Amino acid sequence: MTDDLIVDCRLRAGLELLAHTWDPLIIVALRDEPLRRRVLKDAIGGVSDKVLTESLNRLLANGLVTRRSFAEAPPRVDYGLTPLGRTLLDGPLRSLGHWLDGHADELLAAQEAAEAG
């Protein structure tokens, strides 16, 4: 990595994709198929409606997620991954998952030790 990359706005844009706690979790939750909002919320757990809306809007604006409305009663909306979102899932997020498979226990132990002082 060169020093020029540090000031590169493309790097900042890429890091921003992982900076929001819920965004990567939403992408992982959508890995198999599009989901309705309620199913998505239940799948990731612990997220408020407000934060889920903000995260979905951010992911839509970044071209990572699609929103599809159906003309039904009651109205139905599904969220799914775009091809770009799939590359984020299959690339960096999958690599992070592999890293966590081997190092999550060490990471959590270090965090607990730091909190214990």
C-alpha atoms as a PDB file:
ATOM      1  CA  MET A   1       0.000   0.000   0.000  1.00  0.00           C
ATOM      2  CA  THR A   2       1.406   3.379  -0.927  1.00  0.00           C
ATOM      3  CA  ASP A   3       1.095   6.635   1.004  1.00  0.00           C
ATOM      4  CA  ASP A   4      -0.936   8.030  -1.898  1.00  0.00           C
ATOM      5  CA  LEU A   5      -3.658   5.496  -1.131  1.00  0.00           C
ATOM      6  CA  ILE A   6      -4.179   6.932   2.358  1.00  0.00           C
ATOM      7  CA  VAL A   7      -5.497  10.213   0.960  1.00  0.00           C
ATOM      8  CA  ASP A   8      -7.347   8.511  -1.899  1.00  0.00           C
ATOM      9  CA  CYS A   9     -11.095   9.136  -1.646  1.00  0.00           C
ATOM     10  CA  ARG A  10     -11.702   5.660  -3.126  1.00  0.00           C
ATOM     11  CA  LEU A  11     -10.108   4.086  -0.049  1.00  0.00           C
ATOM     12  CA  ARG A  12     -12.239   6.260   2.214  1.00  0.00           C
ATOM     13  CA  ALA A  13     -15.367   5.272   0.289  1.00  0.00           C
ATOM     14  CA  GLY A  14     -14.438   1.618   0.660  1.00  0.00           C
ATOM     15  CA  LEU A  15     -13.741   1.865   4.371  1.00  0.00           C
ATOM     16  CA  GLU A  16     -17.032   3.692   4.856  1.00  0.00           C
ATOM     17  CA  LEU A  17     -18.792   0.499   3.714  1.00  0.00           C
ATOM     18  CA  LEU A  18     -17.548  -1.279   6.838  1.00  0.00           C
ATOM     19  CA  ALA A  19     -17.724   1.669   9.251  1.00  0.00           C
ATOM     20  CA  HIS A  20     -21.411   1.280  10.047  1.00  0.00           C
ATOM     21  CA  THR A  21     -22.139  -1.622  12.390  1.00  0.00           C
ATOM     22  CA  TRP A  22     -25.344  -2.827  10.750  1.00  0.00           C
ATOM     23  CA  ASP A  23     -24.462  -2.443   7.055  1.00  0.00           C
ATOM     24  CA  PRO A  24     -22.231  -5.539   6.765  1.00  0.00           C
ATOM     25  CA  LEU A  25     -24.738  -7.553   8.817  1.00  0.00           C
ATOM     26  CA  ILE A  26     -27.539  -6.602   6.416  1.00  0.00           C
ATOM     27  CA  ILE A  27     -25.408  -7.629   3.447  1.00  0.00           C
ATOM     28  CA  VAL A  28     -24.673 -10.996   5.044  1.00  0.00           C
ATOM     29  CA  ALA A  29     -28.353 -11.497   5.920  1.00  0.00           C
ATOM     30  CA  LEU A  30     -29.269 -10.952   2.250  1.00  0.00           C
ATOM     31  CA  ARG A  31     -26.694 -13.489   1.016  1.00  0.00           C
ATOM     32  CA  ASP A  32     -29.176 -16.202  -0.010  1.00  0.00           C
ATOM     33  CA  GLU A  33     -32.224 -14.319  -1.238  1.00  0.00           C
ATOM     34  CA  PRO A  34     -34.124 -11.038  -1.095  1.00  0.00           C
ATOM     35  CA  LEU A  35     -35.947 -10.524   2.199  1.00  0.00           C
ATOM     36  CA  ARG A  36     -38.878  -8.510   3.417  1.00  0.00           C
ATOM     37  CA  ARG A  37     -38.018  -5.825   5.948  1.00  0.00           C
ATOM     38  CA  ARG A  38     -39.509  -7.675   8.951  1.00  0.00           C
ATOM     39  CA  VAL A  39     -37.675 -10.905   8.072  1.00  0.00           C
ATOM     40  CA  LEU A  40     -34.448  -8.949   7.574  1.00  0.00           C
ATOM     41  CA  LYS A  41     -34.861  -7.199  10.935  1.00  0.00           C
ATOM     42  CA  ASP A  42     -35.470 -10.519  12.686  1.00  0.00           C
ATOM     43  CA  ALA A  43     -32.519 -12.152  10.906  1.00  0.00           C
ATOM     44  CA  ILE A  44     -29.988  -9.607  12.147  1.00  0.00           C
ATOM     45  CA  GLY A  45     -31.586  -8.969  15.553  1.00  0.00           C
ATOM     46  CA  GLY A  46     -31.090  -6.023  17.878  1.00  0.00           C
ATOM     47  CA  VAL A  47     -31.465  -3.246  15.313  1.00  0.00           C
ATOM     48  CA  SER A  48     -34.056  -0.505  15.765  1.00  0.00           C
ATOM     49  CA  ASP A  49     -36.456   0.428  12.953  1.00  0.00           C
ATOM     50  CA  LYS A  50     -34.789   3.838  12.635  1.00  0.00           C
ATOM     51  CA  VAL A  51     -31.282   2.423  12.308  1.00  0.00           C
ATOM     52  CA  LEU A  52     -32.455  -0.282   9.887  1.00  0.00           C
ATOM     53  CA  THR A  53     -34.043   2.404   7.694  1.00  0.00           C
ATOM     54  CA  GLU A  54     -30.847   4.498   7.778  1.00  0.00           C
ATOM     55  CA  SER A  55     -28.710   1.475   6.936  1.00  0.00           C
ATOM     56  CA  LEU A  56     -30.956   0.339   4.080  1.00  0.00           C
ATOM     57  CA  ASN A  57     -31.006   3.865   2.646  1.00  0.00           C
ATOM     58  CA  ARG A  58     -27.209   4.039   2.841  1.00  0.00           C
ATOM     59  CA  LEU A  59     -26.821   0.626   1.174  1.00  0.00           C
ATOM     60  CA  LEU A  60     -29.323   1.612  -1.542  1.00  0.00           C
ATOM     61  CA  ALA A  61     -27.461   4.887  -2.152  1.00  0.00           C
ATOM     62  CA  ASN A  62     -24.172   2.982  -2.464  1.00  0.00           C
ATOM     63  CA  GLY A  63     -25.643   0.603  -5.026  1.00  0.00           C
ATOM     64  CA  LEU A  64     -25.191  -2.462  -2.809  1.00  0.00           C
ATOM     65  CA  VAL A  65     -28.855  -3.291  -2.178  1.00  0.00           C
ATOM     66  CA  THR A  66     -32.001  -3.154  -4.286  1.00  0.00           C
ATOM     67  CA  ARG A  67     -35.511  -2.350  -3.118  1.00  0.00           C
ATOM     68  CA  ARG A  68     -38.370  -3.959  -5.009  1.00  0.00           C
ATOM     69  CA  SER A  69     -42.009  -3.001  -4.377  1.00  0.00           C
ATOM     70  CA  PHE A  70     -44.892  -5.281  -5.270  1.00  0.00           C
ATOM     71  CA  ALA A  71     -48.391  -4.030  -6.054  1.00  0.00           C
ATOM     72  CA  GLU A  72     -50.132  -6.223  -3.500  1.00  0.00           C
ATOM     73  CA  ALA A  73     -52.454  -5.723  -0.583  1.00  0.00           C
ATOM     74  CA  PRO A  74     -50.915  -5.374   1.903  1.00  0.00           C
ATOM     75  CA  PRO A  75     -47.930  -3.750   0.172  1.00  0.00           C
ATOM     76  CA  ARG A  76     -44.790  -5.870  -0.024  1.00  0.00           C
ATOM     77  CA  VAL A  77     -41.195  -4.664  -0.340  1.00  0.00           C
ATOM     78  CA  ASP A  78     -38.169  -6.930  -0.714  1.00  0.00           C
ATOM     79  CA  TYR A  79     -34.520  -6.012  -0.282  1.00  0.00           C
ATOM     80  CA  GLY A  80     -31.796  -7.922  -2.094  1.00  0.00           C
ATOM     81  CA  LEU A  81     -28.165  -7.674  -3.061  1.00  0.00           C
ATOM     82  CA  THR A  82     -27.068  -6.030  -6.284  1.00  0.00           C
ATOM     83  CA  PRO A  83     -24.172  -7.536  -8.240  1.00  0.00           C
ATOM     84  CA  LEU A  84     -21.941  -4.929  -6.573  1.00  0.00           C
ATOM     85  CA  GLY A  85     -23.252  -5.922  -3.140  1.00  0.00           C
ATOM     86  CA  ARG A  86     -22.542  -9.571  -3.943  1.00  0.00           C
ATOM     87  CA  THR A  87     -18.888  -8.703  -4.727  1.00  0.00           C
ATOM     88  CA  LEU A  88     -18.566  -7.053  -1.299  1.00  0.00           C
ATOM     89  CA  LEU A  89     -20.066 -10.147   0.306  1.00  0.00           C
ATOM     90  CA  ASP A  90     -17.965 -12.626  -1.664  1.00  0.00           C
ATOM     91  CA  GLY A  91     -14.744 -10.607  -1.322  1.00  0.00           C
ATOM     92  CA  PRO A  92     -13.922  -8.551   1.787  1.00  0.00           C
ATOM     93  CA  LEU A  93     -16.748  -9.814   4.008  1.00  0.00           C
ATOM     94  CA  ARG A  94     -16.003 -13.466   3.222  1.00  0.00           C
ATOM     95  CA  SER A  95     -12.294 -12.818   3.936  1.00  0.00           C
ATOM     96  CA  LEU A  96     -13.207 -11.168   7.236  1.00  0.00           C
ATOM     97  CA  GLY A  97     -15.359 -14.199   8.083  1.00  0.00           C
ATOM     98  CA  HIS A  98     -12.435 -16.547   7.410  1.00  0.00           C
ATOM     99  CA  TRP A  99     -10.160 -14.388   9.556  1.00  0.00           C
ATOM    100  CA  LEU A 100     -12.722 -14.420  12.380  1.00  0.00           C
ATOM    101  CA  ASP A 101     -12.981 -18.216  12.163  1.00  0.00           C
ATOM    102  CA  GLY A 102      -9.359 -18.399  13.244  1.00  0.00           C
ATOM    103  CA  HIS A 103      -9.053 -15.330  15.472  1.00  0.00           C
ATOM    104  CA  ALA A 104     -12.419 -14.369  17.018  1.00  0.00           C
ATOM    105  CA  ASP A 105     -11.599 -15.997  20.370  1.00  0.00           C
ATOM    106  CA  GLU A 106      -8.307 -14.080  20.569  1.00  0.00           C
ATOM    107  CA  LEU A 107     -10.065 -10.851  19.599  1.00  0.00           C
ATOM    108  CA  LEU A 108     -12.782 -11.274  22.225  1.00  0.00           C
ATOM    109  CA  ALA A 109     -10.240 -12.263  24.908  1.00  0.00           C
ATOM    110  CA  ALA A 110      -8.188  -9.131  24.175  1.00  0.00           C
ATOM    111  CA  GLN A 111     -11.307  -6.964  24.388  1.00  0.00           C
ATOM    112  CA  GLU A 112     -12.317  -8.539  27.712  1.00  0.00           C
ATOM    113  CA  ALA A 113      -8.800  -8.071  29.096  1.00  0.00           C
ATOM    114  CA  ALA A 114      -8.802  -4.410  28.064  1.00  0.00           C
ATOM    115  CA  GLU A 115     -12.180  -3.837  29.721  1.00  0.00           C
ATOM    116  CA  ALA A 116     -10.997  -5.547  32.924  1.00  0.00           C
ATOM    117  CA  GLY A 117      -8.142  -3.045  33.029  1.00  0.00           C
END
